[in-house]
Each structure stands twice: as C-alpha cells, then as structure tokens.
Amino acid sequence: MHTPHIPVLQEPINNIFNTLTQGIFLDCTLGYAGHSKMILEKHPDISLIACDQDKTALDFSFDSLKEFKNRITLYHCNFNEILKKVDAKNIKNIRGILADIGVSSLQLDQNERGFSINSDFLDMRMNQDEALSAFDVVNFYPQDKLAFIFKEYGELNDAWNLAQKIIKARNKKQITSAKELKEIIGLSKINSRKTQKVILAFQAIRIEVNKELEVLKDFLFQIENLKLQNCILAIISFHSLEDRIIKNFFKKWEKDCICNDKLFKCECGKKNSLGKTINKKVITANQDEIRLNPRSSCAKLRAFYFK
C-alpha cells in the first residue's frame, strides 16, 4: 500500500532502535505507520501499541499494518493519552517509545484541513472531533489573546500589531480561509530570519488550536513518572519551542542531584538520574533526505535511554 506521507529521519530512527529484541514498542503518533512498519519488519519479536488523533491516518495504518495484525494494538487518541490506556504489565515491557510530533504531509496537502497558507479553509485541527478550530481563534479571540499566541508560539516581536490587523479585517467580514489570512498577514520575511512572518503566525495558531505544547509537557511528565527501565525514548519535533522543552526534560532526567540550587550541599543522595541522553547534539536530516523530502529540513530528533 502506497503511503501518502514520507516518514522523516527513518535511518536515524532505525539506528536508535536497532538493539530492540523483544517487548513492546510504543508509537505515540502513528500517522501513516512509516516508522512503525519499519520497526515491525526489522524486529519480529516486538509488539506494537500505537495511537493517533487523526482518524483518517489511523484507518489507513490499520489497513497498512494488517500483515502484523497479531502484533499490534491501535488507539484513536492524542499522544498524551496513550499511556493511560496501557496496563501496568505492558508498561514494564516497553522497550522503545517514538513520538513524531509534526504535521503530516497529507494534513498539509489536504485543502479541507486548512493547515496550508494556501488553503480555502481555516481549520488546523489534527483531531477533527475537537471543537476549537483556527476559524474560531482568528475570528473570536480578543486582541490581547491573539497577540499572546503570536508572541509566545510564533516568537513574533510585532505580535500586537499583527493581532490588530486581524481584528481590523474581521470587523469588516469574517475571515474564512487560510488564503485570506495569508493576505492580511503578508509575505514579508523577518529581519535576520529566513522564515516568512505568515509561516510563524500560522504555526502559532496551529499550536493554540491543538494545545501542542501543553500536550507535549503532559506527555513528558507522564513518561518521567513511569520510572521506565531499559527503554529508549525518541522524539522528533519541528520547531524550536518543542525542541527546547524536550531538551530541558532530558537534561533534568540526567541529573543525579535534584536538590534546590540554593542548598550548600546535596541532601538527596545523588542517585536520581533516570538515564542518559543518547545524542548530545540534535539529529537533523542530511542533504540527501532533504532533497527527497524538503519538509524534513525542519525535523529535529532527540533520544533518551532510561537505564
């Protein structure tokens, strides 16, 4: 079956999980099953538990993975909900966890999903069952709230002015498409940055619609509290806000001492490290992959080993 989405960083993911022998592999963002299919093919004694909040992707993957039907369990949920569905016995047997937390190529390419700046729709919901859409954010959020998400999630210095432009435009008529919103924001580039302002503004709206940063933090806190052993966690992110959160969690997990910095001496016993970061330097796509799949240029991979 032809996949409508090219999985990113497939070779590095294969290398990170090449020591898997048996147990459970948890794919928290199954998508179109590119990574999971590779894992199942290369590791015949591994069972897969996976989820995705996109029902279309989940249905595709269920069919795509039918040759492994006795080794897979799939759930329709967001990745911060999957651990609540796995029983305690299976938690202990998890040997690998993958989360690829970007938007899929198919989501970007489907006009009706409203992710692209050229879409005739304004949606951006990864889970179509959720109520809040980009249309709601753009047309009903007050100016201060719009400015906040542009500043915090798009890191735009002129967030207040941008919010003001949107308010002015929607006061004349509702903004109903991504194309309209693109025209309001404009295609100018930000000084010292290659990215167009409109791309960062759309990113900010998408993060707000899908609560992406909150979901990521919740997921990482859950992972932390599981006290996993002999398990590798790999996360692929696509913008600096997510990568920063992941990096900071990994740093915290590596620490032996968790005492308050204000204490003169350690009182915790210095035996609190959960493991170690596998790649000290973030892994990115090489030029060959970027040529084949330009969207992989933004992908950043970090991995952690729970001892």
C-alpha atoms as a PDB file:
ATOM      1  CA  MET A   1       0.000   0.000   0.000  1.00  0.00           C
ATOM      2  CA  HIS A   2       1.382   3.392  -1.015  1.00  0.00           C
ATOM      3  CA  THR A   3       1.842   5.756   1.915  1.00  0.00           C
ATOM      4  CA  PRO A   4       0.645   9.347   1.434  1.00  0.00           C
ATOM      5  CA  HIS A   5       3.267  10.569   3.917  1.00  0.00           C
ATOM      6  CA  ILE A   6       7.054  10.199   3.836  1.00  0.00           C
ATOM      7  CA  PRO A   7       8.379   9.470   7.348  1.00  0.00           C
ATOM      8  CA  VAL A   8      11.298  11.701   8.316  1.00  0.00           C
ATOM      9  CA  LEU A   9      14.666  10.633   9.735  1.00  0.00           C
ATOM     10  CA  GLN A  10      13.911   6.976   9.091  1.00  0.00           C
ATOM     11  CA  GLU A  11      17.568   5.889   9.045  1.00  0.00           C
ATOM     12  CA  PRO A  12      18.462   7.603  12.365  1.00  0.00           C
ATOM     13  CA  ILE A  13      15.309   6.118  13.946  1.00  0.00           C
ATOM     14  CA  ASN A  14      16.346   2.686  12.698  1.00  0.00           C
ATOM     15  CA  ASN A  15      19.828   3.164  14.196  1.00  0.00           C
ATOM     16  CA  ILE A  16      18.500   4.345  17.562  1.00  0.00           C
ATOM     17  CA  PHE A  17      16.192   1.343  17.937  1.00  0.00           C
ATOM     18  CA  ASN A  18      18.480  -1.256  16.331  1.00  0.00           C
ATOM     19  CA  THR A  19      19.086  -3.028  19.669  1.00  0.00           C
ATOM     20  CA  LEU A  20      15.412  -3.888  20.206  1.00  0.00           C
ATOM     21  CA  THR A  21      14.904  -7.620  20.661  1.00  0.00           C
ATOM     22  CA  GLN A  22      11.572  -8.244  22.348  1.00  0.00           C
ATOM     23  CA  GLY A  23       8.948  -6.381  24.318  1.00  0.00           C
ATOM     24  CA  ILE A  24       6.678  -3.509  23.346  1.00  0.00           C
ATOM     25  CA  PHE A  25       7.298  -0.600  21.002  1.00  0.00           C
ATOM     26  CA  LEU A  26       5.048   2.396  21.666  1.00  0.00           C
ATOM     27  CA  ASP A  27       4.401   4.689  18.696  1.00  0.00           C
ATOM     28  CA  CYS A  28       2.626   7.684  20.167  1.00  0.00           C
ATOM     29  CA  THR A  29       1.996   9.391  16.823  1.00  0.00           C
ATOM     30  CA  LEU A  30       1.401   6.545  14.395  1.00  0.00           C
ATOM     31  CA  GLY A  31       0.430   8.731  11.443  1.00  0.00           C
ATOM     32  CA  TYR A  32       0.733   6.656   8.278  1.00  0.00           C
ATOM     33  CA  ALA A  33       2.838   3.993  10.046  1.00  0.00           C
ATOM     34  CA  GLY A  34       6.104   4.565   8.169  1.00  0.00           C
ATOM     35  CA  HIS A  35       8.299   4.288  11.251  1.00  0.00           C
ATOM     36  CA  SER A  36       6.268   1.546  12.936  1.00  0.00           C
ATOM     37  CA  LYS A  37       6.156  -0.637   9.845  1.00  0.00           C
ATOM     38  CA  MET A  38       9.955  -0.487   9.657  1.00  0.00           C
ATOM     39  CA  ILE A  39      10.253  -1.472  13.341  1.00  0.00           C
ATOM     40  CA  LEU A  40       7.818  -4.384  12.954  1.00  0.00           C
ATOM     41  CA  GLU A  41       9.633  -5.668   9.855  1.00  0.00           C
ATOM     42  CA  LYS A  42      13.098  -5.474  11.406  1.00  0.00           C
ATOM     43  CA  HIS A  43      12.181  -6.757  14.877  1.00  0.00           C
ATOM     44  CA  PRO A  44       9.877  -9.811  14.598  1.00  0.00           C
ATOM     45  CA  ASP A  45       9.576 -10.294  18.374  1.00  0.00           C
ATOM     46  CA  ILE A  46       8.410  -6.744  19.037  1.00  0.00           C
ATOM     47  CA  SER A  47       4.721  -5.926  19.622  1.00  0.00           C
ATOM     48  CA  LEU A  48       3.337  -2.507  18.726  1.00  0.00           C
ATOM     49  CA  ILE A  49       0.985  -0.319  20.729  1.00  0.00           C
ATOM     50  CA  ALA A  50       0.221   2.874  18.829  1.00  0.00           C
ATOM     51  CA  CYS A  51      -2.170   5.792  18.610  1.00  0.00           C
ATOM     52  CA  ASP A  52      -3.017   8.822  16.539  1.00  0.00           C
ATOM     53  CA  GLN A  53      -5.561  11.581  16.964  1.00  0.00           C
ATOM     54  CA  ASP A  54      -6.178  11.739  13.203  1.00  0.00           C
ATOM     55  CA  LYS A  55      -8.856   9.140  12.405  1.00  0.00           C
ATOM     56  CA  THR A  56      -8.042   9.183   8.676  1.00  0.00           C
ATOM     57  CA  ALA A  57      -4.398   8.319   9.358  1.00  0.00           C
ATOM     58  CA  LEU A  58      -5.375   5.639  11.872  1.00  0.00           C
ATOM     59  CA  ASP A  59      -7.736   3.920   9.424  1.00  0.00           C
ATOM     60  CA  PHE A  60      -5.036   3.942   6.740  1.00  0.00           C
ATOM     61  CA  SER A  61      -2.440   2.483   9.117  1.00  0.00           C
ATOM     62  CA  PHE A  62      -4.777  -0.237  10.383  1.00  0.00           C
ATOM     63  CA  ASP A  63      -5.045  -1.470   6.798  1.00  0.00           C
ATOM     64  CA  SER A  64      -1.354  -0.906   6.044  1.00  0.00           C
ATOM     65  CA  LEU A  65      -0.272  -2.983   9.058  1.00  0.00           C
ATOM     66  CA  LYS A  66      -2.744  -5.850   8.566  1.00  0.00           C
ATOM     67  CA  GLU A  67       0.090  -8.352   7.961  1.00  0.00           C
ATOM     68  CA  PHE A  68       1.145  -7.669  11.579  1.00  0.00           C
ATOM     69  CA  LYS A  69      -2.398  -7.744  12.998  1.00  0.00           C
ATOM     70  CA  ASN A  70      -1.497 -10.226  15.746  1.00  0.00           C
ATOM     71  CA  ARG A  71       1.266  -7.926  16.999  1.00  0.00           C
ATOM     72  CA  ILE A  72      -0.471  -4.543  17.015  1.00  0.00           C
ATOM     73  CA  THR A  73      -2.944  -2.627  19.177  1.00  0.00           C
ATOM     74  CA  LEU A  74      -4.144   0.759  17.905  1.00  0.00           C
ATOM     75  CA  TYR A  75      -5.978   3.578  19.700  1.00  0.00           C
ATOM     76  CA  HIS A  76      -7.662   6.762  18.493  1.00  0.00           C
ATOM     77  CA  CYS A  77      -6.305   9.384  20.893  1.00  0.00           C
ATOM     78  CA  ASN A  78      -3.692  12.090  21.332  1.00  0.00           C
ATOM     79  CA  PHE A  79      -0.205  11.040  22.378  1.00  0.00           C
ATOM     80  CA  ASN A  80      -0.561  12.325  25.937  1.00  0.00           C
ATOM     81  CA  GLU A  81      -3.487   9.905  26.417  1.00  0.00           C
ATOM     82  CA  ILE A  82      -1.893   6.670  25.203  1.00  0.00           C
ATOM     83  CA  LEU A  83      -0.042   5.828  28.439  1.00  0.00           C
ATOM     84  CA  LYS A  84      -3.354   5.812  30.317  1.00  0.00           C
ATOM     85  CA  LYS A  85      -4.558   3.037  28.000  1.00  0.00           C
ATOM     86  CA  VAL A  86      -1.572   0.750  28.556  1.00  0.00           C
ATOM     87  CA  ASP A  87      -1.874  -1.577  31.557  1.00  0.00           C
ATOM     88  CA  ALA A  88       0.851  -1.823  34.213  1.00  0.00           C
ATOM     89  CA  LYS A  89       2.181  -5.157  32.941  1.00  0.00           C
ATOM     90  CA  ASN A  90       2.705  -3.803  29.447  1.00  0.00           C
ATOM     91  CA  ILE A  91       4.256  -0.571  30.761  1.00  0.00           C
ATOM     92  CA  LYS A  92       7.055  -2.663  32.302  1.00  0.00           C
ATOM     93  CA  ASN A  93       7.669  -4.328  28.932  1.00  0.00           C
ATOM     94  CA  ILE A  94       8.007  -1.125  26.900  1.00  0.00           C
ATOM     95  CA  ARG A  95      11.466  -1.069  25.312  1.00  0.00           C
ATOM     96  CA  GLY A  96      11.025   1.728  22.792  1.00  0.00           C
ATOM     97  CA  ILE A  97       8.880   4.853  22.533  1.00  0.00           C
ATOM     98  CA  LEU A  98       8.599   7.108  19.486  1.00  0.00           C
ATOM     99  CA  ALA A  99       6.770  10.411  19.114  1.00  0.00           C
ATOM    100  CA  ASP A 100       6.902  12.270  15.786  1.00  0.00           C
ATOM    101  CA  ILE A 101       5.028  15.409  16.748  1.00  0.00           C
ATOM    102  CA  GLY A 102       4.819  17.232  13.432  1.00  0.00           C
ATOM    103  CA  VAL A 103       2.005  17.771  10.961  1.00  0.00           C
ATOM    104  CA  SER A 104       1.909  15.058   8.299  1.00  0.00           C
ATOM    105  CA  SER A 105       2.397  15.820   4.612  1.00  0.00           C
ATOM    106  CA  LEU A 106      -1.150  14.662   3.897  1.00  0.00           C
ATOM    107  CA  GLN A 107      -2.587  17.034   6.503  1.00  0.00           C
ATOM    108  CA  LEU A 108      -0.642  19.886   4.917  1.00  0.00           C
ATOM    109  CA  ASP A 109      -1.686  18.906   1.397  1.00  0.00           C
ATOM    110  CA  GLN A 110      -5.396  18.328   2.060  1.00  0.00           C
ATOM    111  CA  ASN A 111      -7.115  21.597   1.245  1.00  0.00           C
ATOM    112  CA  GLU A 112     -10.062  20.992   3.582  1.00  0.00           C
ATOM    113  CA  ARG A 113      -7.796  20.535   6.630  1.00  0.00           C
ATOM    114  CA  GLY A 114      -6.802  24.200   6.470  1.00  0.00           C
ATOM    115  CA  PHE A 115      -3.169  23.807   7.548  1.00  0.00           C
ATOM    116  CA  SER A 116      -1.572  25.281   4.436  1.00  0.00           C
ATOM    117  CA  ILE A 117      -1.327  29.053   3.926  1.00  0.00           C
ATOM    118  CA  ASN A 118      -2.930  28.461   0.512  1.00  0.00           C
ATOM    119  CA  SER A 119      -5.942  26.532   1.786  1.00  0.00           C
ATOM    120  CA  ASP A 120      -9.527  27.588   1.062  1.00  0.00           C
ATOM    121  CA  PHE A 121     -10.421  26.565   4.616  1.00  0.00           C
ATOM    122  CA  LEU A 122      -9.339  27.679   8.090  1.00  0.00           C
ATOM    123  CA  ASP A 123      -9.300  24.661  10.384  1.00  0.00           C
ATOM    124  CA  MET A 124      -5.905  23.254  11.531  1.00  0.00           C
ATOM    125  CA  ARG A 125      -7.419  20.621  13.859  1.00  0.00           C
ATOM    126  CA  MET A 126      -5.321  17.457  13.987  1.00  0.00           C
ATOM    127  CA  ASN A 127      -8.274  15.749  15.648  1.00  0.00           C
ATOM    128  CA  GLN A 128     -11.435  16.593  13.727  1.00  0.00           C
ATOM    129  CA  ASP A 129     -13.561  15.698  16.759  1.00  0.00           C
ATOM    130  CA  GLU A 130     -12.215  18.665  18.730  1.00  0.00           C
ATOM    131  CA  ALA A 131     -14.345  21.817  18.875  1.00  0.00           C
ATOM    132  CA  LEU A 132     -11.767  24.620  18.629  1.00  0.00           C
ATOM    133  CA  SER A 133     -10.553  25.426  15.115  1.00  0.00           C
ATOM    134  CA  ALA A 134      -8.328  28.081  13.556  1.00  0.00           C
ATOM    135  CA  PHE A 135     -11.507  29.804  12.354  1.00  0.00           C
ATOM    136  CA  ASP A 136     -12.573  30.282  15.992  1.00  0.00           C
ATOM    137  CA  VAL A 137      -9.168  31.573  17.074  1.00  0.00           C
ATOM    138  CA  VAL A 138      -8.869  34.055  14.216  1.00  0.00           C
ATOM    139  CA  ASN A 139     -12.438  35.350  14.325  1.00  0.00           C
ATOM    140  CA  PHE A 140     -13.307  35.322  18.024  1.00  0.00           C
ATOM    141  CA  TYR A 141     -10.160  35.654  20.136  1.00  0.00           C
ATOM    142  CA  PRO A 142      -9.708  39.149  21.647  1.00  0.00           C
ATOM    143  CA  GLN A 143      -6.697  41.171  20.565  1.00  0.00           C
ATOM    144  CA  ASP A 144      -4.645  40.552  23.705  1.00  0.00           C
ATOM    145  CA  LYS A 145      -5.108  36.787  23.416  1.00  0.00           C
ATOM    146  CA  LEU A 146      -4.194  36.797  19.719  1.00  0.00           C
ATOM    147  CA  ALA A 147      -1.109  38.883  20.476  1.00  0.00           C
ATOM    148  CA  PHE A 148      -0.131  36.454  23.234  1.00  0.00           C
ATOM    149  CA  ILE A 149      -0.171  33.384  20.984  1.00  0.00           C
ATOM    150  CA  PHE A 150       1.736  35.200  18.210  1.00  0.00           C
ATOM    151  CA  LYS A 151       4.386  36.271  20.717  1.00  0.00           C
ATOM    152  CA  GLU A 152       4.640  33.021  22.678  1.00  0.00           C
ATOM    153  CA  TYR A 153       4.101  30.428  19.951  1.00  0.00           C
ATOM    154  CA  GLY A 154       5.348  32.308  16.892  1.00  0.00           C
ATOM    155  CA  GLU A 155       8.040  34.359  18.662  1.00  0.00           C
ATOM    156  CA  LEU A 156       6.920  37.409  16.682  1.00  0.00           C
ATOM    157  CA  ASN A 157       8.058  40.779  18.013  1.00  0.00           C
ATOM    158  CA  ASP A 158       5.217  42.674  16.329  1.00  0.00           C
ATOM    159  CA  ALA A 159       2.557  40.350  17.746  1.00  0.00           C
ATOM    160  CA  TRP A 160       0.333  43.200  18.967  1.00  0.00           C
ATOM    161  CA  ASN A 161       0.311  44.931  15.570  1.00  0.00           C
ATOM    162  CA  LEU A 162      -0.396  41.647  13.804  1.00  0.00           C
ATOM    163  CA  ALA A 163      -3.331  40.938  16.121  1.00  0.00           C
ATOM    164  CA  GLN A 164      -4.606  44.457  15.450  1.00  0.00           C
ATOM    165  CA  LYS A 165      -4.523  43.861  11.673  1.00  0.00           C
ATOM    166  CA  ILE A 166      -6.575  40.695  12.079  1.00  0.00           C
ATOM    167  CA  ILE A 167      -9.139  42.419  14.328  1.00  0.00           C
ATOM    168  CA  LYS A 168      -9.484  45.250  11.804  1.00  0.00           C
ATOM    169  CA  ALA A 169     -10.007  42.800   8.924  1.00  0.00           C
ATOM    170  CA  ARG A 170     -12.530  40.597  10.728  1.00  0.00           C
ATOM    171  CA  ASN A 171     -14.556  43.635  11.815  1.00  0.00           C
ATOM    172  CA  LYS A 172     -15.353  44.127   8.125  1.00  0.00           C
ATOM    173  CA  LYS A 173     -16.144  40.446   7.490  1.00  0.00           C
ATOM    174  CA  GLN A 174     -15.322  37.045   8.933  1.00  0.00           C
ATOM    175  CA  ILE A 175     -12.029  35.505   7.835  1.00  0.00           C
ATOM    176  CA  THR A 176     -12.996  32.127   6.384  1.00  0.00           C
ATOM    177  CA  SER A 177      -9.888  30.811   4.624  1.00  0.00           C
ATOM    178  CA  ALA A 178      -6.164  30.451   5.149  1.00  0.00           C
ATOM    179  CA  LYS A 179      -5.675  32.349   1.890  1.00  0.00           C
ATOM    180  CA  GLU A 180      -7.491  35.369   3.308  1.00  0.00           C
ATOM    181  CA  LEU A 181      -5.465  35.225   6.491  1.00  0.00           C
ATOM    182  CA  LYS A 182      -2.249  34.999   4.467  1.00  0.00           C
ATOM    183  CA  GLU A 183      -3.175  38.174   2.580  1.00  0.00           C
ATOM    184  CA  ILE A 184      -3.869  40.007   5.852  1.00  0.00           C
ATOM    185  CA  ILE A 185      -0.555  38.956   7.409  1.00  0.00           C
ATOM    186  CA  GLY A 186       1.517  39.416   4.251  1.00  0.00           C
ATOM    187  CA  LEU A 187       4.512  37.518   2.899  1.00  0.00           C
ATOM    188  CA  SER A 188       7.327  39.637   4.320  1.00  0.00           C
ATOM    189  CA  LYS A 189      10.319  37.949   5.923  1.00  0.00           C
ATOM    190  CA  ILE A 190      11.533  38.780   9.402  1.00  0.00           C
ATOM    191  CA  ASN A 191      14.875  40.540   9.704  1.00  0.00           C
ATOM    192  CA  SER A 192      17.731  38.087  10.402  1.00  0.00           C
ATOM    193  CA  ARG A 193      15.368  35.111   9.897  1.00  0.00           C
ATOM    194  CA  LYS A 194      14.696  33.170   6.709  1.00  0.00           C
ATOM    195  CA  THR A 195      11.132  32.286   7.660  1.00  0.00           C
ATOM    196  CA  GLN A 196       8.195  34.364   6.470  1.00  0.00           C
ATOM    197  CA  LYS A 197       6.090  36.002   9.150  1.00  0.00           C
ATOM    198  CA  VAL A 198       2.984  34.247   7.855  1.00  0.00           C
ATOM    199  CA  ILE A 199       4.531  30.809   8.460  1.00  0.00           C
ATOM    200  CA  LEU A 200       5.273  31.658  12.093  1.00  0.00           C
ATOM    201  CA  ALA A 201       1.821  33.178  12.591  1.00  0.00           C
ATOM    202  CA  PHE A 202       0.177  30.027  11.195  1.00  0.00           C
ATOM    203  CA  GLN A 203       2.414  27.918  13.435  1.00  0.00           C
ATOM    204  CA  ALA A 204       1.255  29.918  16.455  1.00  0.00           C
ATOM    205  CA  ILE A 205      -2.423  29.446  15.577  1.00  0.00           C
ATOM    206  CA  ARG A 206      -1.933  25.710  14.981  1.00  0.00           C
ATOM    207  CA  ILE A 207      -0.169  25.304  18.337  1.00  0.00           C
ATOM    208  CA  GLU A 208      -3.064  27.085  20.057  1.00  0.00           C
ATOM    209  CA  VAL A 209      -5.741  25.038  18.272  1.00  0.00           C
ATOM    210  CA  ASN A 210      -4.112  21.703  19.114  1.00  0.00           C
ATOM    211  CA  LYS A 211      -2.648  22.725  22.508  1.00  0.00           C
ATOM    212  CA  GLU A 212       0.601  21.240  21.242  1.00  0.00           C
ATOM    213  CA  LEU A 213       2.994  22.490  23.918  1.00  0.00           C
ATOM    214  CA  GLU A 214       0.658  21.577  26.785  1.00  0.00           C
ATOM    215  CA  VAL A 215       0.194  18.089  25.341  1.00  0.00           C
ATOM    216  CA  LEU A 216       3.963  17.623  24.940  1.00  0.00           C
ATOM    217  CA  LYS A 217       4.700  18.706  28.523  1.00  0.00           C
ATOM    218  CA  ASP A 218       1.937  16.472  29.886  1.00  0.00           C
ATOM    219  CA  PHE A 219       3.320  13.510  27.923  1.00  0.00           C
ATOM    220  CA  LEU A 220       6.877  14.083  29.192  1.00  0.00           C
ATOM    221  CA  PHE A 221       5.718  14.405  32.804  1.00  0.00           C
ATOM    222  CA  GLN A 222       3.869  11.096  32.435  1.00  0.00           C
ATOM    223  CA  ILE A 223       6.983   9.442  30.982  1.00  0.00           C
ATOM    224  CA  GLU A 224       9.035  10.797  33.888  1.00  0.00           C
ATOM    225  CA  ASN A 225       6.678   9.329  36.476  1.00  0.00           C
ATOM    226  CA  LEU A 226       6.613   5.860  34.907  1.00  0.00           C
ATOM    227  CA  LYS A 227      10.184   5.116  36.071  1.00  0.00           C
ATOM    228  CA  LEU A 228      10.889   3.191  32.870  1.00  0.00           C
ATOM    229  CA  GLN A 229      13.853   0.814  32.691  1.00  0.00           C
ATOM    230  CA  ASN A 230      15.879  -0.400  29.715  1.00  0.00           C
ATOM    231  CA  CYS A 231      13.805   1.758  27.393  1.00  0.00           C
ATOM    232  CA  ILE A 232      14.643   4.239  24.628  1.00  0.00           C
ATOM    233  CA  LEU A 233      12.513   7.330  24.030  1.00  0.00           C
ATOM    234  CA  ALA A 234      12.935   9.152  20.701  1.00  0.00           C
ATOM    235  CA  ILE A 235      11.095  12.363  19.843  1.00  0.00           C
ATOM    236  CA  ILE A 236      11.014  14.181  16.509  1.00  0.00           C
ATOM    237  CA  SER A 237       9.987  17.834  16.717  1.00  0.00           C
ATOM    238  CA  PHE A 238       9.677  20.529  14.078  1.00  0.00           C
ATOM    239  CA  HIS A 239      10.146  23.885  15.764  1.00  0.00           C
ATOM    240  CA  SER A 240      12.374  25.400  18.433  1.00  0.00           C
ATOM    241  CA  LEU A 241       9.669  25.693  21.112  1.00  0.00           C
ATOM    242  CA  GLU A 242       9.078  21.936  21.179  1.00  0.00           C
ATOM    243  CA  ASP A 243      12.771  21.115  20.882  1.00  0.00           C
ATOM    244  CA  ARG A 244      13.578  23.389  23.830  1.00  0.00           C
ATOM    245  CA  ILE A 245      11.003  21.632  26.028  1.00  0.00           C
ATOM    246  CA  ILE A 246      12.344  18.183  25.095  1.00  0.00           C
ATOM    247  CA  LYS A 247      15.971  19.219  25.646  1.00  0.00           C
ATOM    248  CA  ASN A 248      15.185  20.640  29.095  1.00  0.00           C
ATOM    249  CA  PHE A 249      13.322  17.494  30.184  1.00  0.00           C
ATOM    250  CA  PHE A 250      16.225  15.295  29.057  1.00  0.00           C
ATOM    251  CA  LYS A 251      18.687  17.472  30.987  1.00  0.00           C
ATOM    252  CA  LYS A 252      16.549  17.179  34.105  1.00  0.00           C
ATOM    253  CA  TRP A 253      16.268  13.402  33.749  1.00  0.00           C
ATOM    254  CA  GLU A 254      20.060  13.039  33.513  1.00  0.00           C
ATOM    255  CA  LYS A 255      20.720  14.810  36.812  1.00  0.00           C
ATOM    256  CA  ASP A 256      21.904  12.760  39.781  1.00  0.00           C
ATOM    257  CA  CYS A 257      21.296  15.613  42.213  1.00  0.00           C
ATOM    258  CA  ILE A 258      17.822  17.160  42.353  1.00  0.00           C
ATOM    259  CA  CYS A 259      18.403  19.409  45.366  1.00  0.00           C
ATOM    260  CA  ASN A 260      17.466  23.077  45.308  1.00  0.00           C
ATOM    261  CA  ASP A 261      20.319  25.147  43.842  1.00  0.00           C
ATOM    262  CA  LYS A 262      20.265  27.336  46.959  1.00  0.00           C
ATOM    263  CA  LEU A 263      21.405  24.482  49.212  1.00  0.00           C
ATOM    264  CA  PHE A 264      25.106  24.487  50.139  1.00  0.00           C
ATOM    265  CA  LYS A 265      25.398  20.702  49.951  1.00  0.00           C
ATOM    266  CA  CYS A 266      23.486  17.808  48.450  1.00  0.00           C
ATOM    267  CA  GLU A 267      20.769  16.229  50.575  1.00  0.00           C
ATOM    268  CA  CYS A 268      19.179  13.915  48.002  1.00  0.00           C
ATOM    269  CA  GLY A 269      21.936  11.296  47.779  1.00  0.00           C
ATOM    270  CA  LYS A 270      22.830  11.973  44.130  1.00  0.00           C
ATOM    271  CA  LYS A 271      21.111   8.839  42.852  1.00  0.00           C
ATOM    272  CA  ASN A 272      18.234  10.350  40.924  1.00  0.00           C
ATOM    273  CA  SER A 273      19.388  10.099  37.313  1.00  0.00           C
ATOM    274  CA  LEU A 274      16.837   8.301  35.130  1.00  0.00           C
ATOM    275  CA  GLY A 275      19.371   7.605  32.388  1.00  0.00           C
ATOM    276  CA  LYS A 276      21.253   9.483  29.708  1.00  0.00           C
ATOM    277  CA  THR A 277      20.721  11.443  26.521  1.00  0.00           C
ATOM    278  CA  ILE A 278      21.751   9.274  23.575  1.00  0.00           C
ATOM    279  CA  ASN A 279      22.611  12.099  21.200  1.00  0.00           C
ATOM    280  CA  LYS A 280      24.122  15.167  22.851  1.00  0.00           C
ATOM    281  CA  LYS A 281      23.783  17.029  19.553  1.00  0.00           C
ATOM    282  CA  VAL A 282      20.366  17.131  17.940  1.00  0.00           C
ATOM    283  CA  ILE A 283      19.994  14.877  14.871  1.00  0.00           C
ATOM    284  CA  THR A 284      18.747  16.514  11.673  1.00  0.00           C
ATOM    285  CA  ALA A 285      18.091  15.331   8.127  1.00  0.00           C
ATOM    286  CA  ASN A 286      21.044  15.074   5.746  1.00  0.00           C
ATOM    287  CA  GLN A 287      21.063  16.757   2.353  1.00  0.00           C
ATOM    288  CA  ASP A 288      20.005  13.589   0.517  1.00  0.00           C
ATOM    289  CA  GLU A 289      16.868  13.280   2.632  1.00  0.00           C
ATOM    290  CA  ILE A 290      16.073  16.986   2.321  1.00  0.00           C
ATOM    291  CA  ARG A 291      16.299  16.704  -1.484  1.00  0.00           C
ATOM    292  CA  LEU A 292      13.831  13.805  -1.456  1.00  0.00           C
ATOM    293  CA  ASN A 293      11.584  15.309   1.226  1.00  0.00           C
ATOM    294  CA  PRO A 294      12.064  19.091   1.702  1.00  0.00           C
ATOM    295  CA  ARG A 295       9.761  19.096   4.745  1.00  0.00           C
ATOM    296  CA  SER A 296      12.351  17.041   6.639  1.00  0.00           C
ATOM    297  CA  SER A 297      14.639  20.100   6.791  1.00  0.00           C
ATOM    298  CA  CYS A 298      12.889  21.285   9.983  1.00  0.00           C
ATOM    299  CA  ALA A 299      12.940  17.909  11.761  1.00  0.00           C
ATOM    300  CA  LYS A 300      14.947  17.571  14.990  1.00  0.00           C
ATOM    301  CA  LEU A 301      15.488  14.239  16.712  1.00  0.00           C
ATOM    302  CA  ARG A 302      16.494  13.722  20.343  1.00  0.00           C
ATOM    303  CA  ALA A 303      16.673  10.388  22.155  1.00  0.00           C
ATOM    304  CA  PHE A 304      16.983   9.322  25.800  1.00  0.00           C
ATOM    305  CA  TYR A 305      17.870   5.965  27.346  1.00  0.00           C
ATOM    306  CA  PHE A 306      16.153   5.029  30.610  1.00  0.00           C
ATOM    307  CA  LYS A 307      18.624   2.804  32.450  1.00  0.00           C
END
